[in-house]
N, C-alpha and C. Protein backbone atom coordinates (compact mmCIF):
# COMPACT_ATOMS: atom_id res chain seq x y z
N UNK A 1 -26.01 -3.48 3.12
CA UNK A 1 -24.64 -3.16 3.42
C UNK A 1 -24.71 -2.05 2.52
N UNK A 2 -23.83 -1.16 2.68
CA UNK A 2 -23.93 0.20 1.59
C UNK A 2 -23.41 -0.10 0.27
N UNK A 3 -23.40 0.74 -1.00
CA UNK A 3 -22.93 0.18 -2.15
C UNK A 3 -22.01 1.24 -2.28
N UNK A 4 -21.30 1.51 -0.96
CA UNK A 4 -20.06 2.58 -1.87
C UNK A 4 -18.90 1.50 -1.32
N UNK A 5 -18.79 0.88 -2.55
CA UNK A 5 -17.74 0.03 -2.79
C UNK A 5 -16.32 0.71 -3.34
N UNK A 6 -15.14 0.17 -2.63
CA UNK A 6 -14.08 0.95 -3.42
C UNK A 6 -13.10 -0.64 -2.65
N UNK A 7 -12.36 -1.13 -4.21
CA UNK A 7 -11.38 -2.81 -4.03
C UNK A 7 -10.31 -1.99 -4.58
N UNK A 8 -9.39 -1.95 -3.81
CA UNK A 8 -7.66 -1.90 -4.09
C UNK A 8 -6.90 -3.09 -4.34
N UNK A 9 -6.57 -3.27 -5.59
CA UNK A 9 -5.58 -4.22 -5.84
C UNK A 9 -4.21 -3.58 -6.19
N UNK A 10 -3.14 -4.25 -5.69
CA UNK A 10 -1.60 -4.17 -6.00
C UNK A 10 -1.47 -5.01 -7.54
N UNK A 11 -0.87 -4.79 -8.22
CA UNK A 11 -0.47 -5.25 -9.58
C UNK A 11 0.39 -6.36 -9.22
N UNK A 12 -0.07 -7.38 -9.97
CA UNK A 12 1.07 -8.98 -10.05
C UNK A 12 2.63 -8.39 -10.18
N UNK A 13 2.94 -9.59 -9.69
CA UNK A 13 4.35 -9.54 -9.89
C UNK A 13 4.95 -9.19 -11.47
N UNK A 14 5.63 -8.44 -11.45
CA UNK A 14 5.92 -7.74 -12.60
C UNK A 14 7.83 -8.46 -12.62
N UNK A 15 8.43 -7.99 -13.94
CA UNK A 15 9.56 -8.89 -14.10
C UNK A 15 10.74 -8.47 -13.33
N UNK A 16 10.71 -7.14 -12.85
CA UNK A 16 11.80 -6.50 -11.86
C UNK A 16 11.27 -6.78 -11.08
N UNK A 17 10.25 -6.87 -10.23
CA UNK A 17 9.66 -7.42 -8.85
C UNK A 17 10.51 -8.91 -8.74
N UNK A 18 10.63 -10.07 -9.49
CA UNK A 18 11.20 -10.98 -9.76
C UNK A 18 12.55 -10.97 -9.54
N UNK A 19 13.31 -9.98 -10.70
CA UNK A 19 14.78 -9.79 -10.40
C UNK A 19 15.52 -8.76 -9.24
N UNK A 20 14.62 -8.31 -8.39
CA UNK A 20 14.89 -8.04 -7.60
C UNK A 20 15.58 -6.70 -7.59
N UNK A 21 14.65 -5.45 -8.66
CA UNK A 21 15.31 -4.34 -9.39
C UNK A 21 14.35 -3.26 -8.45
N UNK A 22 14.45 -2.01 -8.16
CA UNK A 22 13.97 -0.82 -8.02
C UNK A 22 13.37 -0.79 -9.68
N UNK A 23 12.04 -0.93 -9.17
CA UNK A 23 11.05 -0.48 -10.50
C UNK A 23 10.72 1.15 -10.51
N UNK A 24 10.37 1.94 -9.64
CA UNK A 24 9.61 2.77 -9.46
C UNK A 24 8.79 3.19 -10.54
N UNK A 25 8.79 4.22 -11.77
CA UNK A 25 8.58 4.48 -12.81
C UNK A 25 9.11 4.01 -14.35
N UNK A 26 9.78 2.77 -14.03
CA UNK A 26 10.02 2.11 -15.03
C UNK A 26 9.03 1.19 -15.86
N UNK A 27 8.75 0.61 -16.57
CA UNK A 27 7.72 0.19 -17.05
C UNK A 27 7.78 -1.12 -17.62
N UNK A 28 8.44 -2.41 -16.58
CA UNK A 28 8.53 -3.61 -16.91
C UNK A 28 6.67 -4.37 -17.00
N UNK A 29 6.59 -5.34 -17.83
CA UNK A 29 5.53 -5.90 -17.52
C UNK A 29 5.31 -6.76 -16.67
N UNK A 30 4.12 -7.56 -16.88
CA UNK A 30 4.11 -8.90 -15.58
C UNK A 30 4.76 -10.28 -16.13
N UNK A 31 5.06 -10.68 -14.95
CA UNK A 31 5.64 -12.04 -15.23
C UNK A 31 4.40 -13.17 -15.50
N UNK A 32 4.79 -14.45 -15.41
CA UNK A 32 3.87 -15.33 -15.77
C UNK A 32 3.12 -15.66 -14.59
N UNK A 33 3.53 -15.52 -13.19
CA UNK A 33 3.16 -15.37 -11.98
C UNK A 33 2.28 -14.52 -11.84
N UNK A 34 2.89 -13.46 -11.90
CA UNK A 34 2.22 -11.68 -11.98
C UNK A 34 0.70 -11.90 -12.86
N UNK A 35 0.79 -12.44 -14.06
CA UNK A 35 -0.46 -12.63 -14.83
C UNK A 35 -1.25 -13.63 -13.92
N UNK A 36 -0.67 -15.04 -13.56
CA UNK A 36 -2.15 -15.64 -12.50
C UNK A 36 -2.54 -14.90 -11.61
N UNK A 37 -1.23 -14.28 -10.51
CA UNK A 37 -2.15 -13.35 -9.74
C UNK A 37 -3.17 -12.59 -10.23
N UNK A 38 -2.97 -12.09 -10.74
CA UNK A 38 -4.09 -10.89 -11.57
C UNK A 38 -5.38 -11.45 -12.12
N UNK A 39 -5.24 -12.73 -12.45
CA UNK A 39 -6.35 -13.42 -13.11
C UNK A 39 -7.13 -14.16 -11.70
N UNK A 40 -6.28 -14.90 -10.85
CA UNK A 40 -6.50 -15.29 -9.47
C UNK A 40 -7.23 -14.12 -8.61
N UNK A 41 -7.05 -12.63 -8.95
CA UNK A 41 -8.10 -11.56 -7.85
C UNK A 41 -8.77 -11.45 -8.83
N UNK A 42 -9.19 -11.78 -9.95
CA UNK A 42 -10.38 -11.50 -10.99
C UNK A 42 -11.35 -12.63 -10.52
N UNK A 43 -10.61 -13.51 -10.31
CA UNK A 43 -11.69 -15.05 -10.27
C UNK A 43 -12.06 -14.77 -8.37
N UNK A 44 -11.34 -14.33 -7.69
CA UNK A 44 -11.79 -13.99 -6.18
C UNK A 44 -12.46 -13.18 -6.26
N UNK A 45 -13.16 -12.03 -7.03
CA UNK A 45 -14.19 -10.82 -7.07
C UNK A 45 -15.10 -11.54 -7.29
N UNK A 46 -15.08 -12.33 -8.70
CA UNK A 46 -16.12 -12.73 -9.18
C UNK A 46 -16.92 -13.62 -8.29
N UNK A 47 -15.95 -14.78 -7.45
CA UNK A 47 -16.69 -15.52 -7.04
C UNK A 47 -17.26 -14.97 -5.45
N UNK A 48 -17.08 -13.99 -5.12
CA UNK A 48 -17.51 -12.87 -4.11
C UNK A 48 -18.98 -12.24 -4.76
N UNK A 49 -19.23 -12.22 -5.90
CA UNK A 49 -20.10 -11.52 -6.48
C UNK A 49 -20.24 -10.16 -6.77
N UNK A 50 -18.70 -9.80 -7.03
CA UNK A 50 -18.75 -8.24 -6.89
C UNK A 50 -18.66 -7.82 -8.78
N UNK A 51 -19.16 -7.11 -9.13
CA UNK A 51 -19.38 -6.36 -10.17
C UNK A 51 -18.91 -5.01 -9.91
N UNK A 52 -18.70 -4.03 -10.73
CA UNK A 52 -18.12 -2.64 -10.79
C UNK A 52 -18.61 -1.51 -11.67
N UNK A 53 -18.43 -0.61 -11.61
CA UNK A 53 -19.02 0.50 -12.29
C UNK A 53 -17.79 1.25 -13.09
N UNK A 54 -17.07 1.49 -12.72
CA UNK A 54 -15.71 2.67 -13.00
C UNK A 54 -14.25 1.91 -12.47
N UNK A 55 -13.26 1.92 -13.21
CA UNK A 55 -11.98 1.30 -12.63
C UNK A 55 -11.00 2.49 -12.55
N UNK A 56 -9.60 2.57 -11.59
CA UNK A 56 -8.85 3.61 -12.20
C UNK A 56 -7.61 2.62 -11.80
N UNK A 57 -6.41 3.30 -12.30
CA UNK A 57 -5.19 2.75 -12.54
C UNK A 57 -4.00 3.80 -13.09
N UNK A 58 -3.11 3.12 -12.99
CA UNK A 58 -1.83 4.41 -13.22
C UNK A 58 -1.46 4.39 -15.07
N UNK A 59 -0.33 4.84 -15.01
CA UNK A 59 0.13 5.14 -16.66
C UNK A 59 1.27 3.82 -17.05
N UNK A 60 1.20 2.95 -15.88
CA UNK A 60 2.33 1.82 -15.98
C UNK A 60 1.72 0.96 -16.43
N UNK A 61 2.25 -0.14 -17.56
CA UNK A 61 1.87 -1.42 -17.93
C UNK A 61 1.53 -2.50 -16.65
N UNK A 62 2.49 -2.62 -15.88
CA UNK A 62 1.89 -3.77 -15.08
C UNK A 62 0.92 -3.33 -14.21
N UNK A 63 0.54 -2.24 -14.41
CA UNK A 63 -1.00 -2.30 -13.25
C UNK A 63 -2.15 -2.40 -14.56
N UNK A 64 -1.86 -1.93 -15.40
CA UNK A 64 -3.03 -1.69 -16.39
C UNK A 64 -3.27 -3.30 -16.96
N UNK A 65 -2.16 -4.02 -17.27
CA UNK A 65 -2.39 -5.20 -17.32
C UNK A 65 -3.10 -6.07 -16.25
N UNK A 66 -2.60 -5.82 -14.99
CA UNK A 66 -3.23 -6.31 -13.52
C UNK A 66 -4.70 -6.18 -14.14
N UNK A 67 -5.09 -5.14 -14.58
CA UNK A 67 -6.41 -4.42 -14.33
C UNK A 67 -7.18 -5.21 -15.69
N UNK A 68 -6.32 -5.04 -16.81
CA UNK A 68 -7.19 -5.57 -18.51
C UNK A 68 -7.65 -6.91 -17.68
N UNK A 69 -6.64 -7.86 -17.15
CA UNK A 69 -6.93 -9.51 -16.66
C UNK A 69 -7.95 -9.64 -15.75
N UNK A 70 -7.90 -8.85 -14.83
CA UNK A 70 -9.20 -8.90 -13.71
C UNK A 70 -10.65 -8.62 -14.63
N UNK A 71 -10.48 -7.59 -15.11
CA UNK A 71 -12.20 -7.23 -15.64
C UNK A 71 -12.02 -8.63 -16.74
N UNK A 72 -11.36 -8.85 -17.47
CA UNK A 72 -11.50 -10.22 -18.44
C UNK A 72 -12.29 -11.38 -17.23
N UNK A 73 -11.78 -11.62 -16.24
CA UNK A 73 -12.22 -12.92 -15.30
C UNK A 73 -13.56 -12.46 -14.66
N UNK A 74 -13.82 -10.85 -14.82
CA UNK A 74 -14.87 -10.40 -14.06
C UNK A 74 -16.16 -10.46 -15.19
N UNK A 75 -15.74 -10.55 -16.21
CA UNK A 75 -16.81 -10.24 -18.06
C UNK A 75 -16.77 -8.78 -17.58
N UNK A 76 -16.05 -7.87 -17.52
CA UNK A 76 -16.66 -6.02 -17.86
C UNK A 76 -14.94 -5.61 -18.58
N UNK A 77 -14.54 -6.56 -19.51
CA UNK A 77 -13.80 -5.86 -20.48
C UNK A 77 -13.83 -4.57 -21.31
N UNK A 78 -15.79 -3.99 -20.89
CA UNK A 78 -15.80 -2.77 -21.53
C UNK A 78 -15.92 -1.50 -20.30
N UNK A 79 -15.69 -1.58 -19.27
CA UNK A 79 -15.82 -1.03 -18.02
C UNK A 79 -15.09 0.57 -18.24
N UNK A 80 -15.35 1.41 -17.73
CA UNK A 80 -14.83 2.43 -18.08
C UNK A 80 -13.27 2.54 -16.92
N UNK A 81 -12.50 3.01 -17.70
CA UNK A 81 -10.97 3.32 -16.95
C UNK A 81 -10.44 4.43 -16.63
N UNK A 82 -10.15 4.73 -15.78
CA UNK A 82 -9.41 6.23 -15.94
C UNK A 82 -7.81 5.89 -15.47
N UNK A 83 -7.10 6.69 -16.35
CA UNK A 83 -5.48 6.29 -16.15
C UNK A 83 -5.13 7.48 -15.91
N UNK A 84 -4.10 7.62 -14.63
CA UNK A 84 -3.47 8.56 -14.42
C UNK A 84 -2.23 8.56 -13.50
N UNK A 85 -1.02 9.10 -13.68
CA UNK A 85 0.09 9.24 -13.27
C UNK A 85 0.40 9.48 -12.16
N UNK A 86 -1.00 9.92 -11.27
CA UNK A 86 -1.05 10.13 -9.77
C UNK A 86 -1.33 8.98 -8.81
N UNK A 87 -1.43 7.83 -9.86
CA UNK A 87 -1.65 6.55 -9.11
C UNK A 87 -0.05 5.88 -9.36
N UNK A 88 0.82 6.34 -10.27
CA UNK A 88 1.95 5.75 -10.25
C UNK A 88 2.65 5.16 -9.04
N UNK A 89 3.24 4.10 -9.13
CA UNK A 89 4.58 3.98 -8.28
C UNK A 89 5.17 4.97 -7.93
N UNK A 90 5.87 4.89 -6.36
CA UNK A 90 7.01 5.97 -6.07
C UNK A 90 8.43 6.04 -7.24
N UNK A 91 8.31 6.88 -7.49
CA UNK A 91 9.45 7.26 -8.18
C UNK A 91 10.96 6.97 -7.43
N UNK A 92 12.11 5.83 -7.44
CA UNK A 92 13.02 5.76 -6.99
C UNK A 92 14.07 6.18 -7.17
N UNK A 93 13.99 7.14 -8.32
CA UNK A 93 15.04 7.98 -8.76
C UNK A 93 16.50 7.84 -9.38
N UNK A 94 17.68 7.86 -8.49
CA UNK A 94 18.78 6.99 -9.10
C UNK A 94 18.86 5.50 -8.64
N UNK A 95 17.90 5.27 -7.84
CA UNK A 95 17.78 3.37 -7.44
C UNK A 95 17.20 3.05 -8.62
N UNK A 96 16.49 3.79 -9.54
CA UNK A 96 15.45 2.84 -10.84
C UNK A 96 15.92 1.96 -11.51
N UNK A 97 16.04 0.45 -11.28
CA UNK A 97 16.75 -0.08 -12.44
C UNK A 97 17.86 -1.12 -11.90
N UNK A 98 18.17 -0.62 -10.70
CA UNK A 98 19.59 -1.18 -9.67
C UNK A 98 18.84 -2.30 -9.01
N UNK A 99 19.70 -3.53 -9.01
CA UNK A 99 19.65 -4.85 -8.05
C UNK A 99 19.50 -3.94 -6.92
N UNK A 100 18.36 -4.58 -5.86
CA UNK A 100 18.51 -3.98 -4.61
C UNK A 100 20.06 -4.21 -3.74
N UNK A 101 20.42 -5.62 -4.22
CA UNK A 101 21.75 -6.06 -3.36
C UNK A 101 22.87 -5.40 -3.76
N UNK A 102 23.03 -4.85 -5.17
CA UNK A 102 23.95 -3.93 -5.61
C UNK A 102 24.08 -2.43 -4.74
N UNK A 103 22.74 -2.24 -4.76
CA UNK A 103 22.34 -0.96 -3.75
C UNK A 103 23.06 -0.77 -3.10
N UNK A 104 22.80 -1.87 -2.03
CA UNK A 104 23.33 -1.87 -0.39
C UNK A 104 24.80 -2.02 -0.60
N UNK A 105 25.55 -3.03 -1.51
CA UNK A 105 26.86 -2.54 -1.73
C UNK A 105 27.54 -1.37 -1.96
N UNK A 106 26.50 -0.58 -2.67
CA UNK A 106 27.13 0.64 -3.16
C UNK A 106 27.14 1.98 -1.85
N UNK A 107 25.90 1.67 -1.67
CA UNK A 107 25.49 2.95 -0.67
C UNK A 107 25.70 2.42 0.67
N UNK A 108 25.18 0.83 1.10
CA UNK A 108 25.25 0.63 2.39
C UNK A 108 24.18 0.30 2.75
N UNK A 109 23.52 -0.93 3.78
CA UNK A 109 22.77 -1.55 3.94
C UNK A 109 21.76 -0.34 4.74
N UNK A 110 22.00 0.06 5.81
CA UNK A 110 21.33 1.41 6.74
C UNK A 110 20.90 2.08 5.80
N UNK A 111 21.74 3.23 4.85
CA UNK A 111 21.30 4.05 3.73
C UNK A 111 19.84 3.50 2.75
N UNK A 112 20.50 2.59 2.63
CA UNK A 112 19.38 1.91 1.47
C UNK A 112 17.81 1.27 2.30
N UNK A 113 18.41 0.85 3.41
CA UNK A 113 17.11 0.71 3.99
C UNK A 113 16.50 2.07 4.56
N UNK A 114 16.93 2.98 4.65
CA UNK A 114 16.57 4.67 5.33
C UNK A 114 15.20 4.76 3.84
N UNK A 115 16.48 4.77 2.44
CA UNK A 115 15.53 5.11 1.55
C UNK A 115 14.05 4.26 1.58
N UNK A 116 14.35 3.35 1.45
CA UNK A 116 13.11 2.29 1.07
C UNK A 116 12.03 2.16 2.48
N UNK A 117 12.43 2.36 4.07
CA UNK A 117 11.84 2.62 4.66
C UNK A 117 10.98 3.86 5.32
N UNK A 118 12.20 4.83 5.05
CA UNK A 118 11.36 5.79 5.83
C UNK A 118 10.39 6.64 5.35
N UNK A 119 9.53 7.67 5.91
CA UNK A 119 8.47 8.09 5.62
C UNK A 119 8.88 9.48 4.52
N UNK A 120 10.16 10.23 4.68
CA UNK A 120 10.42 11.11 4.23
C UNK A 120 11.73 11.65 3.90
N UNK A 121 12.42 10.76 3.55
CA UNK A 121 13.63 10.69 3.23
C UNK A 121 13.38 9.70 1.87
N UNK A 122 13.81 10.79 0.67
CA UNK A 122 13.86 10.11 -0.62
C UNK A 122 14.86 9.74 -1.19
N UNK A 123 15.18 8.80 -1.93
CA UNK A 123 16.49 8.58 -2.35
C UNK A 123 17.06 9.59 -4.08
N UNK A 124 18.18 9.92 -3.73
CA UNK A 124 18.91 10.85 -4.99
C UNK A 124 17.93 10.71 -6.53
N UNK A 125 17.33 11.86 -6.38
CA UNK A 125 16.76 11.87 -7.47
C UNK A 125 15.22 11.74 -7.77
N UNK A 126 14.29 10.59 -6.43
CA UNK A 126 13.50 10.17 -6.48
C UNK A 126 12.24 10.73 -5.44
N UNK A 127 11.46 9.86 -5.06
CA UNK A 127 10.45 10.51 -4.28
C UNK A 127 10.17 9.73 -2.87
N UNK A 128 10.13 10.16 -1.82
CA UNK A 128 10.08 9.80 -0.47
C UNK A 128 8.23 9.04 -0.66
N UNK A 129 7.91 8.44 0.63
CA UNK A 129 6.75 8.01 0.55
C UNK A 129 5.82 9.15 1.14
N UNK A 130 6.34 10.29 1.52
CA UNK A 130 5.65 11.47 1.65
C UNK A 130 5.37 12.15 0.61
N UNK A 131 6.23 12.17 -0.23
CA UNK A 131 6.13 12.48 -1.81
C UNK A 131 5.28 12.21 -2.55
N UNK A 132 4.90 11.13 -2.57
CA UNK A 132 3.93 9.98 -3.44
C UNK A 132 2.46 10.28 -2.46
N UNK A 133 2.67 10.24 -1.22
CA UNK A 133 1.23 10.73 -1.18
C UNK A 133 0.78 11.97 -1.68
N UNK A 134 1.76 13.00 -1.33
CA UNK A 134 1.55 14.37 -1.88
C UNK A 134 0.71 14.72 -3.26
N UNK A 135 0.92 13.39 -3.99
CA UNK A 135 0.56 13.39 -5.45
C UNK A 135 -0.62 12.64 -5.72
N UNK A 136 -0.92 11.36 -4.65
CA UNK A 136 -1.56 10.46 -4.72
C UNK A 136 -2.89 10.82 -4.30
N UNK A 137 -3.13 11.18 -3.18
CA UNK A 137 -3.97 11.90 -2.31
C UNK A 137 -5.25 12.74 -2.76
N UNK A 138 -4.83 13.70 -3.81
CA UNK A 138 -5.42 14.90 -4.37
C UNK A 138 -6.34 14.17 -5.07
N UNK A 139 -5.63 13.42 -5.57
CA UNK A 139 -6.51 12.77 -6.91
C UNK A 139 -7.39 11.50 -5.74
N UNK A 140 -7.08 10.86 -5.27
CA UNK A 140 -8.01 9.86 -4.47
C UNK A 140 -9.26 11.10 -4.11
N UNK A 141 -8.96 12.03 -3.48
CA UNK A 141 -10.29 13.36 -3.03
C UNK A 141 -11.08 13.24 -4.04
N UNK A 142 -10.26 14.05 -5.32
CA UNK A 142 -11.09 14.70 -6.40
C UNK A 142 -11.72 13.89 -7.40
N UNK A 143 -11.24 12.54 -7.63
CA UNK A 143 -11.29 11.86 -8.67
C UNK A 143 -11.97 10.64 -8.07
N UNK A 144 -11.54 9.70 -7.33
CA UNK A 144 -11.98 8.16 -7.21
C UNK A 144 -12.89 8.35 -6.01
N UNK A 145 -12.53 9.24 -4.63
CA UNK A 145 -13.41 9.02 -3.78
C UNK A 145 -14.68 9.73 -4.06
N UNK A 146 -15.32 10.71 -4.94
CA UNK A 146 -16.65 10.76 -5.44
C UNK A 146 -17.46 9.66 -6.32
N UNK A 147 -16.47 9.35 -6.61
CA UNK A 147 -17.16 7.93 -7.59
C UNK A 147 -17.62 6.81 -6.20
N UNK A 148 -16.76 6.69 -5.35
CA UNK A 148 -17.44 5.80 -4.86
C UNK A 148 -18.40 6.38 -3.49
N UNK A 149 -18.78 7.53 -3.25
CA UNK A 149 -19.77 8.45 -2.26
C UNK A 149 -21.00 8.35 -3.45
N UNK A 150 -20.98 8.21 -4.39
CA UNK A 150 -22.09 8.74 -5.38
C UNK A 150 -22.90 6.83 -5.51
N UNK A 151 -22.17 6.11 -5.09
CA UNK A 151 -22.12 4.63 -5.17
C UNK A 151 -22.11 3.94 -6.22
N UNK A 152 -21.12 4.28 -7.12
CA UNK A 152 -20.28 3.47 -8.05
C UNK A 152 -19.32 2.68 -7.63
N UNK A 153 -19.60 1.58 -8.14
CA UNK A 153 -18.57 0.52 -7.13
C UNK A 153 -17.26 0.33 -8.10
N UNK A 154 -16.12 0.86 -7.36
CA UNK A 154 -14.96 1.77 -7.88
C UNK A 154 -13.53 0.59 -7.59
N UNK A 155 -13.09 0.08 -8.42
CA UNK A 155 -12.08 -0.91 -8.76
C UNK A 155 -10.66 0.23 -8.81
N UNK A 156 -9.34 -0.24 -8.02
CA UNK A 156 -8.45 0.63 -8.45
C UNK A 156 -7.16 -0.30 -8.69
N UNK A 157 -6.46 -0.50 -9.63
CA UNK A 157 -5.32 -1.29 -10.27
C UNK A 157 -4.43 -0.33 -10.05
N UNK A 158 -3.36 -0.45 -8.86
CA UNK A 158 -1.96 0.56 -9.13
C UNK A 158 -0.59 -0.45 -8.19
N UNK A 159 0.12 0.61 -7.52
CA UNK A 159 1.45 -0.03 -6.86
C UNK A 159 1.37 0.16 -5.33
N UNK A 160 2.50 -1.02 -5.10
CA UNK A 160 2.48 -0.49 -3.42
C UNK A 160 2.32 0.80 -2.75
N UNK A 161 3.17 1.79 -3.17
CA UNK A 161 3.64 2.61 -2.47
C UNK A 161 1.93 3.89 -2.81
N UNK A 162 1.43 3.94 -4.28
CA UNK A 162 0.51 4.88 -4.21
C UNK A 162 -0.99 4.14 -3.56
N UNK A 163 -1.03 2.91 -3.34
CA UNK A 163 -1.96 2.13 -2.95
C UNK A 163 -2.08 2.49 -1.07
N UNK A 164 -0.88 2.33 -0.88
CA UNK A 164 -0.29 3.35 0.78
C UNK A 164 -0.40 3.94 1.19
N UNK A 165 -0.79 5.17 -0.02
CA UNK A 165 -1.23 6.52 0.19
C UNK A 165 -2.83 6.73 0.36
N UNK A 166 -3.52 5.62 -0.16
CA UNK A 166 -5.13 5.75 -0.08
C UNK A 166 -5.48 4.89 1.34
N UNK A 167 -4.49 3.72 1.45
CA UNK A 167 -4.74 2.89 3.03
C UNK A 167 -4.66 4.02 3.86
N UNK A 168 -3.64 4.75 4.12
CA UNK A 168 -3.13 5.38 5.43
C UNK A 168 -4.33 6.13 5.26
N UNK A 169 -5.00 6.97 4.69
CA UNK A 169 -6.02 7.69 4.82
C UNK A 169 -7.29 7.08 5.17
N UNK A 170 -7.64 5.96 4.53
CA UNK A 170 -8.80 5.02 4.97
C UNK A 170 -8.66 4.32 6.21
N UNK A 171 -7.51 4.20 6.83
CA UNK A 171 -7.33 3.57 7.92
C UNK A 171 -6.93 4.29 9.09
N UNK A 172 -6.43 5.54 8.68
CA UNK A 172 -6.05 6.52 9.37
C UNK A 172 -4.63 6.04 10.47
N UNK A 173 -4.13 5.56 9.30
CA UNK A 173 -2.51 5.64 9.78
C UNK A 173 -1.36 6.37 10.01
N UNK A 174 -0.71 6.13 10.72
CA UNK A 174 0.53 7.44 11.49
C UNK A 174 1.75 6.72 10.38
N UNK A 175 2.56 7.88 9.86
CA UNK A 175 3.58 7.52 8.87
C UNK A 175 4.13 6.61 9.40
N UNK A 176 4.49 5.92 10.81
CA UNK A 176 5.01 4.64 11.11
C UNK A 176 4.17 3.28 11.14
N UNK A 177 3.07 3.80 11.04
CA UNK A 177 1.97 2.87 10.63
C UNK A 177 1.90 2.27 9.34
N UNK A 178 1.79 3.08 8.33
CA UNK A 178 1.97 2.78 6.86
C UNK A 178 3.60 2.25 6.20
N UNK A 179 4.61 2.54 7.09
CA UNK A 179 5.58 2.21 6.33
C UNK A 179 5.89 0.97 6.70
N UNK A 180 5.44 0.23 8.01
CA UNK A 180 5.31 -1.12 8.29
C UNK A 180 4.23 -1.94 7.72
N UNK A 181 3.39 -1.14 6.64
CA UNK A 181 2.32 -2.40 6.07
C UNK A 181 2.94 -2.46 4.91
N UNK A 182 2.57 -4.27 4.47
CA UNK A 182 3.56 -4.50 2.99
C UNK A 182 2.00 -4.93 2.47
N UNK A 183 2.18 -4.64 1.17
CA UNK A 183 0.76 -5.27 0.39
C UNK A 183 1.10 -6.18 -0.50
N UNK A 184 1.04 -7.49 -0.79
CA UNK A 184 0.96 -8.60 -1.14
C UNK A 184 0.30 -8.16 -3.12
N UNK A 185 0.80 -8.74 -4.05
CA UNK A 185 0.61 -8.76 -4.97
C UNK A 185 -0.36 -9.45 -5.87
N UNK A 186 -1.52 -9.10 -6.15
CA UNK A 186 -2.99 -9.20 -6.81
C UNK A 186 -3.29 -10.02 -5.35
N UNK A 187 -3.32 -9.25 -4.34
CA UNK A 187 -4.37 -9.60 -3.31
C UNK A 187 -5.75 -8.35 -2.98
N UNK A 188 -6.90 -8.53 -3.57
CA UNK A 188 -8.03 -7.61 -3.33
C UNK A 188 -8.27 -7.01 -1.83
N UNK A 189 -8.36 -5.56 -1.77
CA UNK A 189 -8.81 -5.39 -0.21
C UNK A 189 -9.67 -4.41 -0.23
N UNK A 190 -10.85 -5.01 0.02
CA UNK A 190 -12.25 -4.84 -0.28
C UNK A 190 -12.55 -3.65 0.87
N UNK A 191 -13.02 -2.91 0.52
CA UNK A 191 -13.61 -1.47 1.32
C UNK A 191 -15.28 -1.05 1.31
N UNK A 192 -15.87 -1.10 2.28
CA UNK A 192 -17.24 -0.36 2.24
C UNK A 192 -17.04 1.19 2.72
N UNK A 193 -17.37 1.82 2.65
CA UNK A 193 -17.41 3.24 3.08
C UNK A 193 -18.54 3.81 3.78
N UNK A 194 -18.68 4.39 4.71
CA UNK A 194 -19.80 5.08 5.08
C UNK A 194 -19.82 6.58 4.32
N UNK A 195 -20.87 7.19 4.49
CA UNK A 195 -21.58 8.30 3.94
C UNK A 195 -20.28 9.63 3.97
N UNK A 196 -19.72 9.51 5.09
CA UNK A 196 -18.76 10.55 5.49
C UNK A 196 -17.13 10.31 5.15
N UNK A 197 -17.18 9.12 4.35
CA UNK A 197 -16.13 8.30 3.89
C UNK A 197 -15.00 7.87 4.51
N UNK A 198 -15.31 7.56 5.97
CA UNK A 198 -14.94 6.39 6.97
C UNK A 198 -14.91 4.76 6.42
N UNK A 199 -14.68 4.40 6.74
CA UNK A 199 -14.07 2.66 6.67
C UNK A 199 -15.37 2.41 7.40
N UNK A 200 -16.63 1.65 7.09
CA UNK A 200 -17.43 0.91 7.32
C UNK A 200 -17.12 -0.76 7.41
N UNK A 201 -16.15 -0.69 6.64
CA UNK A 201 -15.76 -2.51 6.41
C UNK A 201 -14.53 -2.74 5.95
N UNK A 202 -13.81 -3.91 6.11
CA UNK A 202 -12.46 -4.16 5.62
C UNK A 202 -12.70 -5.59 5.21
N UNK A 203 -12.39 -6.18 3.98
CA UNK A 203 -12.28 -7.53 3.45
C UNK A 203 -11.16 -7.42 2.86
N UNK A 204 -10.00 -8.67 3.32
CA UNK A 204 -8.78 -8.99 2.57
C UNK A 204 -8.80 -10.43 1.92
N UNK A 205 -9.20 -10.26 0.27
CA UNK A 205 -9.00 -11.50 0.05
C UNK A 205 -7.44 -12.19 -0.27
N UNK A 206 -7.03 -12.45 0.81
CA UNK A 206 -5.86 -13.01 0.60
C UNK A 206 -6.54 -14.51 0.69
N UNK A 207 -5.51 -14.99 -0.03
CA UNK A 207 -5.42 -16.69 -0.09
C UNK A 207 -5.36 -17.84 1.13
């Protein structure tokens, strides 16, 4: 099997996930459940015999904390880690910090659904999924993918929408296909890549 290993993990449950708030670039930390999810992700990877050469994460604490907990479980707390805002969650703009039910009352169920689930319609002052892809993909191509193709075993702890950007490319999904994809918190998705950066195999370590 190829050594071109790429593992993607969405951060564990955050305090604002629990409170049903739009989070975006706001910076809440993990809940107790989120901490447990991150540790469990690390244990699952260790049980599969994985070790890593480099890791990437966003500049938001919920992703960084998730990565730290996974690396502790893996016994790799000194692993080189690169942090960049290109991997941040989608910016929800004026929705950030609002309860999702309150937002529906204010703007209507249909409008909020469009903001959350459309590919290219951003909420006021925020980013669409298309906008998120536009900043995440260049970083993947320029920084993350070269590590994988060099044979560095690569771990990425980030967010639902920034990881969708990577998955869209890896799995050659359409805008409609990626919108329908939900990513569970704290579940490692393991890709092995071919030398041309296409996916040789995929394994989802869901419980």
